[in-house]
Protein backbone atom coordinates (compact mmCIF):
# COMPACT_ATOMS: atom_id res chain seq x y z
CA MET A 1 6.74 -11.89 -0.17
CA TYR A 2 8.84 -14.16 -2.28
CA VAL A 3 12.48 -15.01 -2.98
CA GLU A 4 13.81 -14.22 -6.43
CA LYS A 5 17.02 -15.65 -7.86
CA LYS A 6 18.80 -13.21 -10.12
CA LYS A 7 21.63 -14.37 -12.34
CA ILE A 8 24.36 -11.81 -12.88
CA GLY A 9 27.19 -13.07 -15.02
CA LYS A 10 28.01 -16.61 -13.94
CA ASN A 11 26.70 -16.20 -10.39
CA ALA A 12 23.17 -16.35 -8.96
CA TYR A 13 21.98 -14.16 -6.08
CA ASN A 14 18.89 -14.36 -3.84
CA TYR A 15 16.71 -11.34 -3.10
CA LEU A 16 13.60 -10.95 -0.95
CA LYS A 17 10.87 -9.11 -2.88
CA ILE A 18 7.27 -8.04 -2.30
CA SER A 19 4.38 -7.34 -4.63
CA ILE A 20 2.00 -4.54 -3.74
CA ARG A 21 -1.36 -3.97 -5.37
CA ALA A 22 -2.92 -0.52 -5.29
CA ASP A 23 -6.11 -0.06 -7.26
CA ASN A 24 -5.28 -1.45 -10.73
CA LYS A 25 -1.50 -1.29 -10.48
CA ILE A 26 0.98 -3.82 -9.15
CA ALA A 27 4.47 -2.84 -8.03
CA THR A 28 7.32 -5.08 -6.96
CA LYS A 29 10.02 -3.93 -4.59
CA THR A 30 13.26 -5.55 -3.50
CA ILE A 31 13.43 -5.60 0.28
CA ALA A 32 16.78 -7.26 0.97
CA TYR A 33 19.72 -9.12 -0.48
CA LEU A 34 19.75 -12.60 1.06
CA GLY A 35 23.02 -14.02 -0.26
CA LYS A 36 24.80 -15.77 -3.07
CA ASP A 37 23.43 -19.03 -4.41
CA PRO A 38 23.50 -21.94 -3.53
CA MET A 39 21.53 -21.48 -0.30
CA THR A 40 19.33 -23.99 1.49
CA LYS A 41 15.74 -23.18 2.43
CA GLU A 42 16.78 -23.06 6.08
CA GLN A 43 19.48 -20.49 5.35
CA ILE A 44 17.01 -18.34 3.41
CA LYS A 45 14.43 -18.54 6.21
CA ALA A 46 17.07 -17.57 8.78
CA LYS A 47 18.08 -14.52 6.71
CA ILE A 48 14.43 -13.46 6.34
CA LYS A 49 13.90 -13.70 10.11
CA GLU A 50 16.82 -11.29 10.62
CA ILE A 51 14.98 -8.54 8.70
CA PRO A 52 12.95 -6.33 11.07
CA TYR A 53 9.22 -6.42 10.33
CA SER A 54 9.01 -2.64 10.81
CA SER A 55 11.37 -2.03 7.89
CA ILE A 56 9.26 -4.26 5.63
CA GLU A 57 6.12 -2.34 6.58
CA LYS A 58 7.92 0.96 5.95
CA ILE A 59 8.90 -0.15 2.44
CA LYS A 60 5.30 -1.25 1.77
CA ARG A 61 3.92 2.15 2.86
CA GLU A 62 6.46 4.06 0.76
CA THR A 63 5.71 1.95 -2.31
CA MET A 64 1.95 2.42 -1.90
CA LYS A 65 2.49 6.17 -1.62
CA LYS A 66 4.55 6.22 -4.83
CA ILE A 67 1.93 4.20 -6.72
CA ARG A 68 -0.83 6.58 -5.68
CA GLU A 69 1.28 9.64 -6.55
CA THR A 70 1.85 8.35 -10.09
CA GLU A 71 -1.89 7.80 -10.47
CA ASP A 72 -2.57 11.39 -9.44
CA ILE A 73 -0.01 12.69 -11.95
CA ASN A 74 -1.56 10.63 -14.74
CA LYS A 75 -5.03 11.99 -13.96
CA GLU A 76 -3.72 15.57 -14.26
CA PHE A 77 -2.55 14.93 -17.82
CA LEU A 78 -5.86 13.47 -18.88
């Protein structure tokens, strides 16, 4: 997991993202919006602790499933 700052217009926003590797593919998924910048590290850590671990695991499983489904579709075309 990592925090990504995304600049939209003149403002910057913080998002919690994950990277998932399945076979030879890597997918990134945004888990949660953390807040508008500027934020301290303590504020970011507090926001991350508020996110239930079960929802993060659910997002990971769904993303893995989607990655594997796209691989199966690609094999059918070949």
